[in-house]
Amino acid sequence: MRNIRLLANLLNDDSGQDLIEYALVAAVLALAAVGAMSSLTNKIDNEFNKVGNSL
């Protein structure tokens, strides 16, 4: 009986749920930031090349 009660309590426990949600949000934001930086890297590189060629 004690094991069944322990298992039922573990299944109903959702105390770590918020932490997992915050971690997922942080992971999505990190992926978006990496994607944006990859795009900006090419644009910035092209601008520096234009300025270098003008000089």
PDB file of N, CA and C in Angstrom:
ATOM      1  N   MET A   1       0.820  -1.202   0.000  1.00  0.00           N
ATOM      2  CA  MET A   1       0.000   0.000   0.000  1.00  0.00           C
ATOM      3  C   MET A   1       0.855   1.253   0.000  1.00  0.00           C
ATOM      4  N   ARG A   2       1.920   1.210   0.762  1.00  0.00           N
ATOM      5  CA  ARG A   2       2.772   2.397   0.855  1.00  0.00           C
ATOM      6  C   ARG A   2       3.384   2.724  -0.496  1.00  0.00           C
ATOM      7  N   ASN A   3       3.808   1.699  -1.250  1.00  0.00           N
ATOM      8  CA  ASN A   3       4.408   1.921  -2.566  1.00  0.00           C
ATOM      9  C   ASN A   3       3.396   2.499  -3.544  1.00  0.00           C
ATOM     10  N   ILE A   4       2.188   2.036  -3.469  1.00  0.00           N
ATOM     11  CA  ILE A   4       1.149   2.542  -4.369  1.00  0.00           C
ATOM     12  C   ILE A   4       0.862   4.004  -4.065  1.00  0.00           C
ATOM     13  N   ARG A   5       0.794   4.338  -2.787  1.00  0.00           N
ATOM     14  CA  ARG A   5       0.558   5.730  -2.383  1.00  0.00           C
ATOM     15  C   ARG A   5       1.719   6.625  -2.836  1.00  0.00           C
ATOM     16  N   LEU A   6       2.960   6.116  -2.690  1.00  0.00           N
ATOM     17  CA  LEU A   6       4.137   6.868  -3.118  1.00  0.00           C
ATOM     18  C   LEU A   6       4.106   7.104  -4.624  1.00  0.00           C
ATOM     19  N   LEU A   7       3.776   6.091  -5.376  1.00  0.00           N
ATOM     20  CA  LEU A   7       3.699   6.219  -6.835  1.00  0.00           C
ATOM     21  C   LEU A   7       2.599   7.196  -7.233  1.00  0.00           C
ATOM     22  N   ALA A   8       1.461   7.134  -6.573  1.00  0.00           N
ATOM     23  CA  ALA A   8       0.370   8.068  -6.864  1.00  0.00           C
ATOM     24  C   ALA A   8       0.787   9.495  -6.562  1.00  0.00           C
ATOM     25  N   ASN A   9       1.496   9.703  -5.479  1.00  0.00           N
ATOM     26  CA  ASN A   9       1.975  11.049  -5.139  1.00  0.00           C
ATOM     27  C   ASN A   9       2.979  11.563  -6.165  1.00  0.00           C
ATOM     28  N   LEU A  10       3.854  10.690  -6.637  1.00  0.00           N
ATOM     29  CA  LEU A  10       4.832  11.097  -7.645  1.00  0.00           C
ATOM     30  C   LEU A  10       4.162  11.463  -8.970  1.00  0.00           C
ATOM     31  N   LEU A  11       3.139  10.710  -9.343  1.00  0.00           N
ATOM     32  CA  LEU A  11       2.441  10.992 -10.589  1.00  0.00           C
ATOM     33  C   LEU A  11       1.654  12.304 -10.530  1.00  0.00           C
ATOM     34  N   ASN A  12       1.172  12.653  -9.353  1.00  0.00           N
ATOM     35  CA  ASN A  12       0.390  13.876  -9.202  1.00  0.00           C
ATOM     36  C   ASN A  12       1.234  15.103  -8.885  1.00  0.00           C
ATOM     37  N   ASP A  13       2.518  14.911  -8.611  1.00  0.00           N
ATOM     38  CA  ASP A  13       3.394  16.020  -8.244  1.00  0.00           C
ATOM     39  C   ASP A  13       3.799  16.780  -9.502  1.00  0.00           C
ATOM     40  N   ASP A  14       3.537  18.075  -9.534  1.00  0.00           N
ATOM     41  CA  ASP A  14       3.909  18.892 -10.686  1.00  0.00           C
ATOM     42  C   ASP A  14       4.758  20.094 -10.255  1.00  0.00           C
ATOM     43  N   SER A  15       5.563  19.935  -9.226  1.00  0.00           N
ATOM     44  CA  SER A  15       6.348  21.050  -8.704  1.00  0.00           C
ATOM     45  C   SER A  15       7.477  21.452  -9.643  1.00  0.00           C
ATOM     46  N   GLY A  16       7.988  20.565 -10.472  1.00  0.00           N
ATOM     47  CA  GLY A  16       9.067  20.902 -11.399  1.00  0.00           C
ATOM     48  C   GLY A  16       8.581  21.375 -12.751  1.00  0.00           C
ATOM     49  N   GLN A  17       7.287  21.468 -12.930  1.00  0.00           N
ATOM     50  CA  GLN A  17       6.718  21.819 -14.225  1.00  0.00           C
ATOM     51  C   GLN A  17       7.111  23.228 -14.649  1.00  0.00           C
ATOM     52  N   ASP A  18       7.105  24.186 -13.752  1.00  0.00           N
ATOM     53  CA  ASP A  18       7.444  25.563 -14.104  1.00  0.00           C
ATOM     54  C   ASP A  18       8.873  25.669 -14.591  1.00  0.00           C
ATOM     55  N   LEU A  19       9.781  24.973 -13.947  1.00  0.00           N
ATOM     56  CA  LEU A  19      11.183  25.012 -14.337  1.00  0.00           C
ATOM     57  C   LEU A  19      11.365  24.489 -15.754  1.00  0.00           C
ATOM     58  N   ILE A  20      10.678  23.431 -16.095  1.00  0.00           N
ATOM     59  CA  ILE A  20      10.781  22.865 -17.436  1.00  0.00           C
ATOM     60  C   ILE A  20      10.234  23.846 -18.465  1.00  0.00           C
ATOM     61  N   GLU A  21       9.135  24.502 -18.157  1.00  0.00           N
ATOM     62  CA  GLU A  21       8.563  25.475 -19.088  1.00  0.00           C
ATOM     63  C   GLU A  21       9.517  26.641 -19.310  1.00  0.00           C
ATOM     64  N   TYR A  22      10.125  27.141 -18.242  1.00  0.00           N
ATOM     65  CA  TYR A  22      11.092  28.232 -18.395  1.00  0.00           C
ATOM     66  C   TYR A  22      12.298  27.786 -19.216  1.00  0.00           C
ATOM     67  N   ALA A  23      12.745  26.568 -19.019  1.00  0.00           N
ATOM     68  CA  ALA A  23      13.875  26.057 -19.787  1.00  0.00           C
ATOM     69  C   ALA A  23      13.525  25.949 -21.272  1.00  0.00           C
ATOM     70  N   LEU A  24      12.305  25.523 -21.581  1.00  0.00           N
ATOM     71  CA  LEU A  24      11.895  25.434 -22.982  1.00  0.00           C
ATOM     72  C   LEU A  24      11.804  26.814 -23.624  1.00  0.00           C
ATOM     73  N   VAL A  25      11.283  27.789 -22.904  1.00  0.00           N
ATOM     74  CA  VAL A  25      11.207  29.150 -23.428  1.00  0.00           C
ATOM     75  C   VAL A  25      12.610  29.693 -23.671  1.00  0.00           C
ATOM     76  N   ALA A  26      13.523  29.459 -22.742  1.00  0.00           N
ATOM     77  CA  ALA A  26      14.903  29.925 -22.902  1.00  0.00           C
ATOM     78  C   ALA A  26      15.565  29.260 -24.108  1.00  0.00           C
ATOM     79  N   ALA A  27      15.296  27.988 -24.324  1.00  0.00           N
ATOM     80  CA  ALA A  27      15.880  27.270 -25.467  1.00  0.00           C
ATOM     81  C   ALA A  27      15.355  27.829 -26.784  1.00  0.00           C
ATOM     82  N   VAL A  28      14.068  28.131 -26.846  1.00  0.00           N
ATOM     83  CA  VAL A  28      13.491  28.696 -28.076  1.00  0.00           C
ATOM     84  C   VAL A  28      14.076  30.075 -28.340  1.00  0.00           C
ATOM     85  N   LEU A  29      14.219  30.890 -27.306  1.00  0.00           N
ATOM     86  CA  LEU A  29      14.813  32.219 -27.479  1.00  0.00           C
ATOM     87  C   LEU A  29      16.272  32.123 -27.921  1.00  0.00           C
ATOM     88  N   ALA A  30      16.998  31.160 -27.386  1.00  0.00           N
ATOM     89  CA  ALA A  30      18.391  30.983 -27.785  1.00  0.00           C
ATOM     90  C   ALA A  30      18.492  30.577 -29.249  1.00  0.00           C
ATOM     91  N   LEU A  31      17.623  29.694 -29.690  1.00  0.00           N
ATOM     92  CA  LEU A  31      17.636  29.292 -31.102  1.00  0.00           C
ATOM     93  C   LEU A  31      17.288  30.465 -32.014  1.00  0.00           C
ATOM     94  N   ALA A  32      16.336  31.279 -31.608  1.00  0.00           N
ATOM     95  CA  ALA A  32      15.976  32.452 -32.406  1.00  0.00           C
ATOM     96  C   ALA A  32      17.134  33.443 -32.465  1.00  0.00           C
ATOM     97  N   ALA A  33      17.829  33.621 -31.344  1.00  0.00           N
ATOM     98  CA  ALA A  33      18.973  34.543 -31.329  1.00  0.00           C
ATOM     99  C   ALA A  33      20.097  34.045 -32.228  1.00  0.00           C
ATOM    100  N   VAL A  34      20.368  32.764 -32.204  1.00  0.00           N
ATOM    101  CA  VAL A  34      21.416  32.201 -33.062  1.00  0.00           C
ATOM    102  C   VAL A  34      21.041  32.364 -34.528  1.00  0.00           C
ATOM    103  N   GLY A  35      19.792  32.129 -34.849  1.00  0.00           N
ATOM    104  CA  GLY A  35      19.343  32.312 -36.232  1.00  0.00           C
ATOM    105  C   GLY A  35      19.463  33.753 -36.689  1.00  0.00           C
ATOM    106  N   ALA A  36      19.100  34.687 -35.835  1.00  0.00           N
ATOM    107  CA  ALA A  36      19.205  36.103 -36.182  1.00  0.00           C
ATOM    108  C   ALA A  36      20.661  36.523 -36.332  1.00  0.00           C
ATOM    109  N   MET A  37      21.523  36.030 -35.466  1.00  0.00           N
ATOM    110  CA  MET A  37      22.939  36.380 -35.545  1.00  0.00           C
ATOM    111  C   MET A  37      23.582  35.829 -36.808  1.00  0.00           C
ATOM    112  N   SER A  38      23.174  34.651 -37.211  1.00  0.00           N
ATOM    113  CA  SER A  38      23.715  34.067 -38.441  1.00  0.00           C
ATOM    114  C   SER A  38      23.344  34.926 -39.639  1.00  0.00           C
ATOM    115  N   SER A  39      22.138  35.417 -39.658  1.00  0.00           N
ATOM    116  CA  SER A  39      21.695  36.268 -40.755  1.00  0.00           C
ATOM    117  C   SER A  39      22.415  37.608 -40.729  1.00  0.00           C
ATOM    118  N   LEU A  40      22.568  38.180 -39.563  1.00  0.00           N
ATOM    119  CA  LEU A  40      23.220  39.483 -39.441  1.00  0.00           C
ATOM    120  C   LEU A  40      24.710  39.407 -39.744  1.00  0.00           C
ATOM    121  N   THR A  41      25.329  38.280 -39.487  1.00  0.00           N
ATOM    122  CA  THR A  41      26.764  38.143 -39.731  1.00  0.00           C
ATOM    123  C   THR A  41      27.088  38.386 -41.195  1.00  0.00           C
ATOM    124  N   ASN A  42      26.326  37.806 -42.087  1.00  0.00           N
ATOM    125  CA  ASN A  42      26.568  37.990 -43.524  1.00  0.00           C
ATOM    126  C   ASN A  42      26.351  39.440 -43.939  1.00  0.00           C
ATOM    127  N   LYS A  43      25.316  40.068 -43.424  1.00  0.00           N
ATOM    128  CA  LYS A  43      25.029  41.452 -43.788  1.00  0.00           C
ATOM    129  C   LYS A  43      26.127  42.393 -43.299  1.00  0.00           C
ATOM    130  N   ILE A  44      26.582  42.193 -42.072  1.00  0.00           N
ATOM    131  CA  ILE A  44      27.642  43.039 -41.522  1.00  0.00           C
ATOM    132  C   ILE A  44      28.945  42.813 -42.280  1.00  0.00           C
ATOM    133  N   ASP A  45      29.230  41.584 -42.605  1.00  0.00           N
ATOM    134  CA  ASP A  45      30.444  41.277 -43.368  1.00  0.00           C
ATOM    135  C   ASP A  45      30.412  41.962 -44.728  1.00  0.00           C
ATOM    136  N   ASN A  46      29.269  41.946 -45.379  1.00  0.00           N
ATOM    137  CA  ASN A  46      29.154  42.613 -46.681  1.00  0.00           C
ATOM    138  C   ASN A  46      29.361  44.118 -46.564  1.00  0.00           C
ATOM    139  N   GLU A  47      28.822  44.723 -45.519  1.00  0.00           N
ATOM    140  CA  GLU A  47      28.991  46.164 -45.329  1.00  0.00           C
ATOM    141  C   GLU A  47      30.450  46.518 -45.074  1.00  0.00           C
ATOM    142  N   PHE A  48      31.144  45.743 -44.266  1.00  0.00           N
ATOM    143  CA  PHE A  48      32.563  46.002 -44.017  1.00  0.00           C
ATOM    144  C   PHE A  48      33.373  45.849 -45.298  1.00  0.00           C
ATOM    145  N   ASN A  49      33.024  44.865 -46.110  1.00  0.00           N
ATOM    146  CA  ASN A  49      33.720  44.698 -47.392  1.00  0.00           C
ATOM    147  C   ASN A  49      33.494  45.889 -48.315  1.00  0.00           C
ATOM    148  N   LYS A  50      32.268  46.417 -48.332  1.00  0.00           N
ATOM    149  CA  LYS A  50      31.984  47.604 -49.150  1.00  0.00           C
ATOM    150  C   LYS A  50      32.816  48.793 -48.705  1.00  0.00           C
ATOM    151  N   VAL A  51      32.885  48.996 -47.386  1.00  0.00           N
ATOM    152  CA  VAL A  51      33.660  50.130 -46.853  1.00  0.00           C
ATOM    153  C   VAL A  51      35.153  49.908 -47.157  1.00  0.00           C
ATOM    154  N   GLY A  52      35.614  48.695 -46.984  1.00  0.00           N
ATOM    155  CA  GLY A  52      37.036  48.403 -47.267  1.00  0.00           C
ATOM    156  C   GLY A  52      37.373  48.616 -48.721  1.00  0.00           C
ATOM    157  N   ASN A  53      36.488  48.252 -49.614  1.00  0.00           N
ATOM    158  CA  ASN A  53      36.737  48.443 -51.046  1.00  0.00           C
ATOM    159  C   ASN A  53      36.673  49.913 -51.436  1.00  0.00           C
ATOM    160  N   SER A  54      35.873  50.684 -50.743  1.00  0.00           N
ATOM    161  CA  SER A  54      35.761  52.119 -51.031  1.00  0.00           C
ATOM    162  C   SER A  54      37.037  52.853 -50.639  1.00  0.00           C
ATOM    163  N   LEU A  55      37.703  52.360 -49.616  1.00  0.00           N
ATOM    164  CA  LEU A  55      38.930  53.019 -49.179  1.00  0.00           C
ATOM    165  C   LEU A  55      40.044  52.663 -50.096  1.00  0.00           C
TER     166      LEU A  55
END
